[in-house]
Protein backbone atom coordinates (compact mmCIF):
# COMPACT_ATOMS: atom_id res chain seq x y z
CA UNK A 1 -0.95 20.63 16.39
CA UNK A 2 1.49 19.86 19.16
CA UNK A 3 3.79 17.43 17.34
CA UNK A 4 5.10 16.98 13.85
CA UNK A 5 5.97 13.39 13.01
CA UNK A 6 8.70 12.61 10.49
CA UNK A 7 8.88 8.99 9.39
CA UNK A 8 12.24 7.72 8.22
CA UNK A 9 13.36 4.47 6.63
CA UNK A 10 15.71 2.37 8.77
CA UNK A 11 17.22 0.79 5.65
CA UNK A 12 18.89 4.12 4.76
CA UNK A 13 22.16 5.28 6.31
CA UNK A 14 21.89 7.85 9.13
CA UNK A 15 23.25 10.71 7.04
CA UNK A 16 20.65 10.18 4.34
CA UNK A 17 17.94 9.86 6.99
CA UNK A 18 18.94 13.23 8.45
CA UNK A 19 18.94 14.90 5.04
CA UNK A 20 15.56 13.40 4.17
CA UNK A 21 14.09 14.54 7.50
CA UNK A 22 15.07 18.12 6.61
CA UNK A 23 13.64 17.78 3.10
CA UNK A 24 10.42 16.30 4.51
CA UNK A 25 9.95 19.25 6.84
CA UNK A 26 10.44 21.64 3.92
CA UNK A 27 7.96 19.65 1.80
CA UNK A 28 5.40 19.83 4.61
CA UNK A 29 5.92 23.59 4.84
CA UNK A 30 5.50 23.97 1.06
CA UNK A 31 2.41 21.73 0.79
CA UNK A 32 0.66 22.45 4.10
CA UNK A 33 1.71 25.89 5.39
CA UNK A 34 -1.49 26.08 7.46
CA UNK A 35 -0.47 22.96 9.39
CA UNK A 36 3.03 24.32 9.97
CA UNK A 37 1.56 27.60 11.23
CA UNK A 38 -0.36 25.67 13.94
CA UNK A 39 2.62 23.47 14.82
CA UNK A 40 4.04 24.20 18.28
CA UNK A 41 7.59 23.10 17.65
CA UNK A 42 7.89 19.49 18.79
CA UNK A 43 9.28 17.05 16.22
CA UNK A 44 9.02 13.30 16.66
CA UNK A 45 11.23 11.10 14.49
CA UNK A 46 9.96 7.58 13.96
CA UNK A 47 11.22 4.88 11.66
CA UNK A 48 9.84 2.12 9.53
CA UNK A 49 11.67 -0.90 8.17
CA UNK A 50 11.69 0.18 4.54
CA UNK A 51 9.75 1.27 1.50
CA UNK A 52 6.98 -1.34 1.79
CA UNK A 53 6.13 -0.42 5.38
CA UNK A 54 6.36 3.29 4.55
CA UNK A 55 3.99 2.87 1.58
CA UNK A 56 1.46 1.04 3.75
CA UNK A 57 1.66 3.74 6.40
CA UNK A 58 1.19 6.49 3.81
CA UNK A 59 -1.93 4.75 2.48
CA UNK A 60 -3.35 4.47 6.00
CA UNK A 61 -2.67 8.13 6.73
CA UNK A 62 -4.21 9.22 3.43
CA UNK A 63 -7.35 7.18 4.14
CA UNK A 64 -7.57 8.89 7.54
CA UNK A 65 -7.11 12.28 5.79
CA UNK A 66 -4.03 13.14 7.86
CA UNK A 67 -2.13 16.00 6.22
CA UNK A 68 1.21 14.70 5.00
CA UNK A 69 3.98 15.46 2.57
CA UNK A 70 6.23 12.96 0.87
CA UNK A 71 9.83 13.45 -0.11
CA UNK A 72 11.57 11.11 -2.52
CA UNK A 73 15.32 11.46 -2.93
CA UNK A 74 16.04 11.91 -6.65
CA UNK A 75 19.72 11.07 -6.10
CA UNK A 76 18.83 7.52 -5.02
CA UNK A 77 16.27 6.75 -7.69
CA UNK A 78 13.30 8.18 -5.79
């Protein structure tokens, strides 16, 4: 795997986006260590408009069997 994509919500402030990107990388490492072992170090940050678009994207990725990890911020109600 050459690139690791982290999808962030544009409706969150930049500081929270940065924190969630770090948490998402850790979640991916915890849930899919084999994928992280093959990862060659490039990270691509992309954004979606909000929770609805993110949920639709997650469903599409799951249907395509793309390995993914989700992180929900407990401090903001998930």
